[in-house]
N, C-alpha and C. Protein backbone atom coordinates (compact mmCIF):
# COMPACT_ATOMS: atom_id res chain seq x y z
N MET A 1 -18.63 25.72 -22.69
CA MET A 1 -19.60 25.13 -21.62
C MET A 1 -19.66 23.62 -21.94
N THR A 2 -20.08 23.07 -22.82
CA THR A 2 -20.59 21.45 -22.98
C THR A 2 -19.07 21.17 -23.30
N TYR A 3 -17.99 21.63 -23.47
CA TYR A 3 -16.71 21.27 -23.80
C TYR A 3 -16.29 20.57 -22.35
N TYR A 4 -16.44 21.21 -21.35
CA TYR A 4 -16.19 20.94 -19.99
C TYR A 4 -16.90 19.93 -19.53
N THR A 5 -18.24 19.55 -19.61
CA THR A 5 -18.69 19.07 -19.00
C THR A 5 -18.93 17.43 -19.87
N ILE A 6 -18.01 17.45 -20.76
CA ILE A 6 -18.12 15.85 -21.84
C ILE A 6 -16.51 15.26 -21.01
N LEU A 7 -15.38 16.63 -20.84
CA LEU A 7 -14.36 16.04 -20.30
C LEU A 7 -14.79 15.86 -18.97
N ARG A 8 -15.32 16.65 -18.03
CA ARG A 8 -15.68 15.96 -16.74
C ARG A 8 -16.28 14.61 -16.51
N VAL A 9 -17.42 14.10 -17.17
CA VAL A 9 -18.10 13.20 -17.52
C VAL A 9 -16.80 11.62 -17.94
N VAL A 10 -16.47 12.21 -19.12
CA VAL A 10 -15.27 10.97 -19.32
C VAL A 10 -14.52 11.09 -18.31
N SER A 11 -13.65 12.13 -17.79
CA SER A 11 -12.75 11.80 -16.97
C SER A 11 -13.41 10.62 -15.64
N LYS A 12 -14.72 11.54 -15.39
CA LYS A 12 -15.03 10.40 -14.00
C LYS A 12 -15.16 8.80 -14.58
N LEU A 13 -15.36 8.44 -15.50
CA LEU A 13 -15.36 7.37 -15.88
C LEU A 13 -13.96 6.60 -16.42
N LEU A 14 -13.05 7.43 -16.51
CA LEU A 14 -11.54 6.91 -16.94
C LEU A 14 -10.81 6.74 -15.62
N ILE A 15 -10.87 7.68 -14.82
CA ILE A 15 -10.08 7.79 -13.78
C ILE A 15 -10.03 6.38 -13.21
N PRO A 16 -10.99 6.13 -12.51
CA PRO A 16 -10.95 4.60 -11.64
C PRO A 16 -10.10 3.69 -12.43
N TYR A 17 -10.54 3.67 -13.55
CA TYR A 17 -9.90 2.47 -14.72
C TYR A 17 -8.35 2.52 -14.86
N VAL A 18 -7.53 3.68 -14.86
CA VAL A 18 -6.38 4.31 -14.78
C VAL A 18 -6.20 3.84 -13.43
N LEU A 19 -6.69 3.99 -12.14
CA LEU A 19 -5.88 3.73 -10.92
C LEU A 19 -5.99 2.00 -10.60
N LEU A 20 -7.01 1.59 -11.54
CA LEU A 20 -6.97 0.01 -11.42
C LEU A 20 -6.22 -0.62 -12.11
N PHE A 21 -5.97 -0.28 -13.35
CA PHE A 21 -5.25 -0.45 -13.75
C PHE A 21 -3.24 -0.29 -13.44
N ALA A 22 -3.28 0.82 -12.73
CA ALA A 22 -1.96 0.83 -11.68
C ALA A 22 -1.84 -0.48 -10.82
N LEU A 23 -2.70 -0.68 -10.10
CA LEU A 23 -3.03 -1.72 -9.23
C LEU A 23 -2.40 -2.81 -9.83
N TYR A 24 -3.20 -3.24 -11.37
CA TYR A 24 -3.32 -4.53 -11.65
C TYR A 24 -1.26 -4.51 -12.19
N VAL A 25 -0.72 -3.65 -12.53
CA VAL A 25 0.45 -3.71 -12.84
C VAL A 25 1.75 -3.30 -11.89
N GLN A 26 1.18 -3.26 -10.82
CA GLN A 26 1.75 -3.06 -9.70
C GLN A 26 2.37 -4.74 -9.07
N PHE A 27 1.01 -5.25 -9.27
CA PHE A 27 1.09 -6.82 -8.12
C PHE A 27 1.33 -7.67 -9.26
N HIS A 28 1.20 -7.60 -10.48
CA HIS A 28 1.16 -8.35 -11.76
C HIS A 28 3.04 -8.32 -11.90
N GLY A 29 3.68 -7.35 -11.34
CA GLY A 29 4.84 -6.91 -11.72
C GLY A 29 6.01 -7.98 -11.73
N ASP A 30 6.03 -8.88 -10.54
CA ASP A 30 6.56 -10.03 -10.58
C ASP A 30 6.53 -11.17 -11.22
N TYR A 31 5.13 -11.52 -11.93
CA TYR A 31 5.05 -12.17 -13.08
C TYR A 31 5.24 -12.16 -14.49
N GLY A 32 5.02 -10.52 -14.61
CA GLY A 32 5.45 -10.08 -16.26
C GLY A 32 6.01 -8.63 -16.01
N PRO A 33 5.63 -8.10 -17.31
CA PRO A 33 6.21 -7.02 -17.33
C PRO A 33 5.39 -5.82 -16.45
N GLY A 34 6.04 -4.49 -15.59
CA GLY A 34 5.52 -3.99 -14.81
C GLY A 34 6.37 -4.12 -13.47
N GLY A 35 5.67 -3.32 -12.46
CA GLY A 35 6.29 -3.41 -11.19
C GLY A 35 5.95 -2.09 -10.86
N GLY A 36 6.98 -1.65 -9.36
CA GLY A 36 6.22 -0.54 -8.98
C GLY A 36 6.88 0.71 -9.18
N PHE A 37 7.79 1.04 -10.13
CA PHE A 37 8.24 2.22 -10.90
C PHE A 37 7.19 2.56 -11.79
N GLN A 38 6.48 1.76 -12.74
CA GLN A 38 5.90 1.70 -13.67
C GLN A 38 4.51 1.86 -13.18
N ALA A 39 3.60 1.23 -11.80
CA ALA A 39 2.59 1.22 -11.25
C ALA A 39 2.18 2.86 -10.63
N GLY A 40 3.46 3.36 -9.87
CA GLY A 40 3.64 4.46 -9.42
C GLY A 40 3.28 5.78 -10.63
N VAL A 41 4.11 5.54 -11.69
CA VAL A 41 3.70 6.95 -12.72
C VAL A 41 2.21 6.47 -13.08
N ILE A 42 1.67 5.22 -13.15
CA ILE A 42 0.52 5.40 -14.28
C ILE A 42 -0.69 5.68 -12.79
N PHE A 43 -0.48 5.29 -11.46
CA PHE A 43 -0.98 5.92 -10.59
C PHE A 43 -1.39 7.61 -10.29
N ALA A 44 -0.02 7.98 -10.62
CA ALA A 44 -0.12 9.53 -10.27
C ALA A 44 -0.50 9.99 -11.19
N ALA A 45 -0.76 9.13 -12.67
CA ALA A 45 -0.98 10.08 -13.90
C ALA A 45 -2.65 9.93 -13.92
N GLY A 46 -3.55 9.39 -13.26
CA GLY A 46 -4.58 9.40 -12.90
C GLY A 46 -5.30 10.64 -12.02
N PHE A 47 -3.96 10.93 -10.84
CA PHE A 47 -4.06 12.24 -10.25
C PHE A 47 -3.88 13.37 -10.89
N VAL A 48 -2.79 13.44 -11.97
CA VAL A 48 -2.48 14.61 -12.91
C VAL A 48 -3.65 14.80 -13.80
N LEU A 49 -4.38 13.82 -14.59
CA LEU A 49 -5.54 13.72 -15.15
C LEU A 49 -6.90 14.72 -14.84
N TYR A 50 -6.92 14.19 -13.59
CA TYR A 50 -7.79 14.23 -12.57
C TYR A 50 -7.95 15.95 -12.13
N GLY A 51 -6.51 16.39 -11.67
CA GLY A 51 -5.90 18.01 -11.87
C GLY A 51 -6.10 18.66 -13.28
N LEU A 52 -5.91 18.06 -14.14
CA LEU A 52 -6.13 19.25 -15.56
C LEU A 52 -7.48 19.24 -15.95
N ILE A 53 -8.59 18.56 -15.49
CA ILE A 53 -9.76 18.37 -15.21
C ILE A 53 -10.79 19.24 -14.56
N TYR A 54 -10.27 19.26 -13.14
CA TYR A 54 -11.06 19.77 -11.92
C TYR A 54 -10.28 20.66 -11.37
N GLY A 55 -8.86 21.10 -11.79
CA GLY A 55 -8.15 21.72 -11.44
C GLY A 55 -7.34 21.66 -10.12
N LEU A 56 -6.25 22.34 -9.97
CA LEU A 56 -5.11 21.83 -8.93
C LEU A 56 -5.49 22.06 -7.26
N THR A 57 -6.81 22.93 -7.09
CA THR A 57 -7.57 22.87 -5.87
C THR A 57 -7.76 21.24 -5.50
N GLU A 58 -8.64 21.22 -6.31
CA GLU A 58 -9.38 19.56 -6.08
C GLU A 58 -8.28 18.45 -5.78
N VAL A 59 -7.26 18.78 -6.63
CA VAL A 59 -6.06 17.56 -6.16
C VAL A 59 -5.59 17.95 -5.18
N ARG A 60 -5.68 19.06 -4.57
CA ARG A 60 -4.64 19.26 -3.10
C ARG A 60 -5.93 18.90 -2.23
N ARG A 61 -7.05 18.97 -2.53
CA ARG A 61 -8.11 18.42 -1.40
C ARG A 61 -8.06 16.86 -1.42
N VAL A 62 -8.10 16.39 -2.44
CA VAL A 62 -7.69 14.90 -2.43
C VAL A 62 -6.73 14.44 -1.97
N ALA A 63 -5.53 15.03 -2.08
CA ALA A 63 -4.14 14.32 -1.64
C ALA A 63 -3.52 15.73 -1.50
N PRO A 64 -3.72 16.05 0.27
CA PRO A 64 -3.10 16.97 0.77
C PRO A 64 -1.59 16.80 0.66
N ALA A 65 -0.98 18.01 0.54
CA ALA A 65 0.66 17.86 0.80
C ALA A 65 1.46 16.79 2.02
N ARG A 66 0.58 16.96 3.11
CA ARG A 66 0.94 16.43 4.09
C ARG A 66 1.13 14.90 3.92
N MET A 67 -0.08 14.26 3.63
CA MET A 67 -0.33 12.78 3.20
C MET A 67 0.48 12.62 2.26
N VAL A 68 0.77 13.53 1.33
CA VAL A 68 1.72 13.01 0.22
C VAL A 68 3.17 12.71 0.48
N GLU A 69 3.38 13.72 1.29
CA GLU A 69 4.52 13.92 2.24
C GLU A 69 5.03 12.27 3.16
N LEU A 70 3.86 11.65 3.83
CA LEU A 70 4.01 11.01 4.35
C LEU A 70 3.98 9.53 3.63
N LEU A 71 3.25 9.38 2.60
CA LEU A 71 3.22 8.40 1.68
C LEU A 71 5.07 8.13 1.09
N ILE A 72 5.56 9.19 0.71
CA ILE A 72 6.69 9.53 0.02
C ILE A 72 7.89 8.54 1.17
N ALA A 73 7.64 9.42 2.52
CA ALA A 73 8.32 8.69 3.71
C ALA A 73 8.03 6.86 3.83
N ALA A 74 6.75 6.91 3.83
CA ALA A 74 6.08 5.35 3.78
C ALA A 74 6.37 4.51 2.92
N GLY A 75 6.72 5.04 1.89
CA GLY A 75 7.27 3.82 0.74
C GLY A 75 8.75 3.67 0.59
N VAL A 76 9.68 4.47 0.73
CA VAL A 76 10.98 4.59 1.28
C VAL A 76 11.25 3.86 2.32
N LEU A 77 10.10 3.78 3.48
CA LEU A 77 10.41 3.02 4.87
C LEU A 77 10.04 1.48 4.47
N LEU A 78 9.37 0.87 3.60
CA LEU A 78 8.53 -0.36 3.27
C LEU A 78 10.38 -0.92 2.66
N PHE A 79 10.52 0.00 1.79
CA PHE A 79 11.70 -0.54 0.35
C PHE A 79 12.75 -0.76 1.33
N ALA A 80 13.20 0.32 2.27
CA ALA A 80 14.58 -0.26 3.19
C ALA A 80 14.24 -1.07 4.29
N GLY A 81 12.67 -0.67 4.67
CA GLY A 81 12.75 -1.70 6.12
C GLY A 81 13.09 -3.29 5.62
N THR A 82 12.49 -3.15 4.35
CA THR A 82 12.68 -5.21 3.78
C THR A 82 14.15 -5.48 4.04
N GLY A 83 15.00 -4.35 3.66
CA GLY A 83 16.45 -4.76 3.49
C GLY A 83 16.75 -4.66 4.85
N VAL A 84 16.57 -3.84 5.71
CA VAL A 84 17.10 -3.98 6.88
C VAL A 84 16.64 -5.18 7.76
N ALA A 85 15.53 -5.46 7.46
CA ALA A 85 15.10 -6.72 8.36
C ALA A 85 16.16 -8.00 7.70
N THR A 86 16.22 -8.35 6.73
CA THR A 86 17.41 -9.25 5.85
C THR A 86 18.52 -9.23 6.73
N MET A 87 19.11 -7.83 7.07
CA MET A 87 20.02 -7.74 7.61
C MET A 87 20.31 -7.87 8.84
N LEU A 88 19.07 -7.63 9.92
CA LEU A 88 19.08 -8.04 11.23
C LEU A 88 18.81 -9.69 11.37
N LEU A 89 18.18 -10.45 10.44
CA LEU A 89 18.27 -11.84 10.31
C LEU A 89 19.92 -12.39 9.89
N GLY A 90 20.44 -11.70 9.63
CA GLY A 90 21.76 -12.17 9.28
C GLY A 90 22.27 -12.47 7.64
N GLY A 91 21.46 -11.84 6.95
CA GLY A 91 21.62 -11.94 5.40
C GLY A 91 22.09 -10.41 5.15
N ASN A 92 22.32 -10.03 3.65
CA ASN A 92 22.51 -9.21 3.26
C ASN A 92 21.64 -8.16 3.06
N PHE A 93 21.67 -7.26 2.84
CA PHE A 93 20.99 -6.13 2.20
C PHE A 93 19.78 -6.61 1.01
N LEU A 94 18.71 -6.66 1.48
CA LEU A 94 17.84 -7.54 0.29
C LEU A 94 17.87 -8.86 0.29
N ASP A 95 18.48 -9.25 0.96
CA ASP A 95 18.95 -11.15 0.93
C ASP A 95 17.90 -11.71 0.78
N TYR A 96 16.47 -11.92 0.34
CA TYR A 96 15.20 -12.17 0.65
C TYR A 96 15.05 -13.71 1.24
N ASN A 97 16.29 -14.48 1.14
CA ASN A 97 16.29 -15.80 1.67
C ASN A 97 16.06 -15.88 3.32
N PHE A 98 16.55 -14.89 3.79
CA PHE A 98 16.97 -15.16 5.31
C PHE A 98 15.22 -14.80 5.89
N LEU A 99 14.52 -14.17 5.00
CA LEU A 99 13.10 -13.64 5.60
C LEU A 99 12.05 -14.86 6.11
N TYR A 100 12.79 -16.06 5.55
CA TYR A 100 11.77 -17.44 5.46
C TYR A 100 12.73 -18.61 5.10
N PRO A 101 13.96 -18.80 6.04
CA PRO A 101 14.65 -20.19 5.54
C PRO A 101 13.93 -20.99 4.76
N LYS A 102 13.17 -21.75 5.41
CA LYS A 102 12.37 -23.00 5.38
C LYS A 102 12.06 -23.18 3.94
N ASP A 103 11.29 -21.83 3.39
CA ASP A 103 11.11 -21.51 2.19
C ASP A 103 11.41 -20.68 1.24
N PRO A 104 12.76 -20.58 0.74
CA PRO A 104 13.30 -19.58 0.18
C PRO A 104 12.56 -18.62 -1.16
N ALA A 105 11.95 -19.48 -1.94
CA ALA A 105 11.20 -19.04 -3.00
C ALA A 105 9.66 -18.25 -2.69
N LYS A 106 8.83 -18.75 -1.08
CA LYS A 106 8.14 -17.80 -0.79
C LYS A 106 8.67 -16.75 -0.20
N ALA A 107 9.78 -16.74 0.52
CA ALA A 107 10.01 -15.60 0.90
C ALA A 107 10.82 -14.69 -0.15
N GLN A 108 10.96 -15.33 -0.85
CA GLN A 108 11.46 -13.95 -2.18
C GLN A 108 10.51 -13.61 -2.65
N HIS A 109 9.38 -14.30 -3.26
CA HIS A 109 7.80 -13.54 -3.49
C HIS A 109 7.79 -12.46 -2.67
N TYR A 110 6.94 -12.52 -1.28
CA TYR A 110 6.63 -11.76 -0.30
C TYR A 110 7.71 -10.63 -0.41
N ALA A 111 8.85 -11.01 -0.17
CA ALA A 111 10.01 -9.42 -0.36
C ALA A 111 9.87 -8.80 -1.28
N ILE A 112 9.94 -9.36 -2.25
CA ILE A 112 9.92 -8.72 -3.99
C ILE A 112 8.51 -8.11 -4.01
N LEU A 113 7.60 -8.46 -3.39
CA LEU A 113 6.08 -7.77 -3.58
C LEU A 113 6.39 -6.23 -2.43
N ALA A 114 6.88 -6.70 -1.07
CA ALA A 114 7.19 -5.55 -0.38
C ALA A 114 8.23 -4.53 -0.95
N VAL A 115 9.14 -4.77 -1.67
CA VAL A 115 9.87 -4.06 -2.10
C VAL A 115 9.04 -2.86 -3.44
N GLU A 116 8.51 -4.02 -4.06
CA GLU A 116 8.17 -3.10 -5.33
C GLU A 116 6.80 -2.02 -4.65
N LEU A 117 6.09 -3.06 -3.59
CA LEU A 117 5.50 -1.70 -3.48
C LEU A 117 5.93 -0.81 -2.76
N GLY A 118 6.73 -0.55 -2.03
CA GLY A 118 7.47 0.71 -1.51
C GLY A 118 7.88 1.62 -2.60
N VAL A 119 8.50 1.03 -3.86
CA VAL A 119 9.01 1.76 -4.94
C VAL A 119 7.34 2.14 -5.37
N GLY A 120 6.40 1.76 -5.71
CA GLY A 120 5.23 1.88 -6.28
C GLY A 120 4.72 3.56 -5.33
N ILE A 121 4.54 2.83 -4.10
CA ILE A 121 4.25 4.30 -3.17
C ILE A 121 4.75 5.46 -3.26
N THR A 122 6.35 5.27 -3.17
CA THR A 122 7.06 6.32 -3.50
C THR A 122 7.03 6.93 -4.67
N VAL A 123 7.03 6.50 -5.79
CA VAL A 123 6.59 6.93 -6.84
C VAL A 123 5.85 7.82 -7.24
N ALA A 124 4.64 7.23 -7.05
CA ALA A 124 3.52 7.67 -7.24
C ALA A 124 3.30 9.22 -6.23
N ALA A 125 3.82 9.10 -4.59
CA ALA A 125 3.73 10.07 -4.14
C ALA A 125 4.26 11.47 -4.30
N VAL A 126 5.78 10.86 -5.03
CA VAL A 126 6.93 12.13 -5.62
C VAL A 126 6.00 12.83 -7.06
N MET A 127 5.32 12.27 -7.68
CA MET A 127 5.32 12.15 -8.95
C MET A 127 4.16 13.40 -8.43
N ILE A 128 3.24 12.82 -7.57
CA ILE A 128 1.86 13.84 -7.68
C ILE A 128 2.50 14.72 -6.88
N ALA A 129 3.71 15.20 -6.08
CA ALA A 129 4.30 16.19 -5.34
C ALA A 129 5.03 16.98 -6.47
N VAL A 130 5.47 16.47 -6.85
CA VAL A 130 5.89 17.28 -8.42
C VAL A 130 4.98 18.13 -9.41
N TYR A 131 3.83 17.44 -9.70
CA TYR A 131 2.59 18.16 -10.42
C TYR A 131 2.47 19.15 -9.52
N SER A 132 2.03 18.81 -8.40
CA SER A 132 1.22 20.04 -7.54
C SER A 132 2.27 21.11 -7.24
N THR A 133 3.45 20.99 -6.94
CA THR A 133 4.33 22.12 -7.00
C THR A 133 4.58 22.65 -8.23
N PHE A 134 4.55 21.99 -9.59
CA PHE A 134 4.87 22.99 -10.60
C PHE A 134 3.66 23.56 -11.01
N ALA A 135 2.75 22.77 -10.97
CA ALA A 135 1.43 23.22 -11.75
C ALA A 135 1.01 24.20 -10.37
N GLY A 136 1.34 24.84 -9.48
CA GLY A 136 0.78 25.74 -8.11
C GLY A 136 1.90 26.72 -8.12
N ARG A 137 2.83 26.90 -9.12
CA ARG A 137 3.85 27.72 -8.78
C ARG A 137 3.40 29.34 -9.25
N GLY A 138 3.88 30.05 -8.40
CA GLY A 138 3.85 31.29 -8.55
C GLY A 138 1.93 31.94 -8.20
N ARG A 139 0.97 30.93 -7.58
CA ARG A 139 -0.13 31.41 -7.29
C ARG A 139 -0.02 31.63 -5.82
N GLU A 140 0.87 31.35 -4.84
CA GLU A 140 0.59 31.64 -3.79
C GLU A 140 1.66 32.74 -3.41
């Protein structure tokens, strides 16, 4: 019984830092190593750790399947919507310069953040869905 108590206490201390590091990787990705994919996997790893310690029922309570499905769609929509917006403004798909022609550097910076955020949300939600599906197989 003490074994589980130690794991629960350590995980409660560790998981917020895992999620915070995922956000750091997400928003630092345009300045250094990292980006949406890496941040999404790290963020999902926090949920997997939570599930390993507290059980699949708790993960499904914190991240219900419907919410995870909506996040998958929202991430793809953010990524694709950025590309479609550039096309509607007269450019090619993901040609960021057309988003703000007066300052292409600023346009590229914000568009890359949007695209990487879309990737991060999608990857995190898909990884959580995969974990939830595989961990719960045969139980229902």
